[in-house]
Each structure stands twice: as C-alpha cells, then as structure tokens.
Amino acid sequence: MTSEEMTTPEPTNTAEQYFDEKKGQFINKYTKRNKLRNSFYNQELMALQEELVKLQFWVKENGLRVVIVFEGRDAAGKGGVIKRIIERTNPRVVRVVALGIPTEREKTQWYFQRWVAHLPAAGEIVLF
C-alpha cells in the first residue's frame, strides 16, 4: 500500500462538543440505557484493527519507528486496549514492553533511561 492510497482520518469530536453548559459537566454518551451495541462495537473494532494493520505495513515498508505510551491508573483499561491493538498485528513488527518496578540503580537514573533499551528499531512499533 502506498502513501497515496492512505486517507487522512476524519476529525473526531472535541471535548467541548460533549460539555453541557447548563449542568456544568460533560455529557456521558453511553449510559446504561444508551449502551453501545455489541454488533456496532465489533464492527468498529474490526475497522480500527484494519487501520492498525495498514499502519503496521506502512511503518515496516518505510522503515519508520512508532512509540505508543499508555499511562493511567490501575484497572483503567490500558491492558484491554493493548490486547485489542496487538490482536491482529504482526508480533515481528508490533511489540509490548511492560516496565516493572525500578531497581535501586534505576531509581538513581533519569526516568526515561529505562525506556531507551526498548525503543523501536526501523520498521517497528512499540507499546509501553
């Protein structure tokens, strides 16, 4: 697939579009009554995973490097998102790095030094 065949993504909604001025809070689009249907979810998931596979081929073909960093509280859903990202991608191109608790030596170093050894080479995508 060439870069000319790739299309630019459609713009997403901004946070302001989901803010209720009267209540002074953000609107939750998916309440229990307005639940996301499984069929819609699976259809969207497949389409997005297809885009990830295209990204993977593009990165490999052009010798690019991609780093994706997930940060959040425990049980925030990071693991589930990562699982869905790697579900259909090639493990030779996309890999996951889970950095554990820093050692005593690592605690004395710059925070980002732990990441350097795991940064991607040409044609790789790494998820932290």
Foldseek 3Di string as FASTA:
>chain_A
DDPVPDDDDDDDDDQVVQADPVVRGGHDCDDVVNHDDPVNVVVVLVVVLVVLQVVLVVQQVVQHFAEAEDDDDPPPCPVVVVCSNPVPHDCVAEDEDDDDDDDPVCVVDDVCVVCVVVGDGGSHYYYD
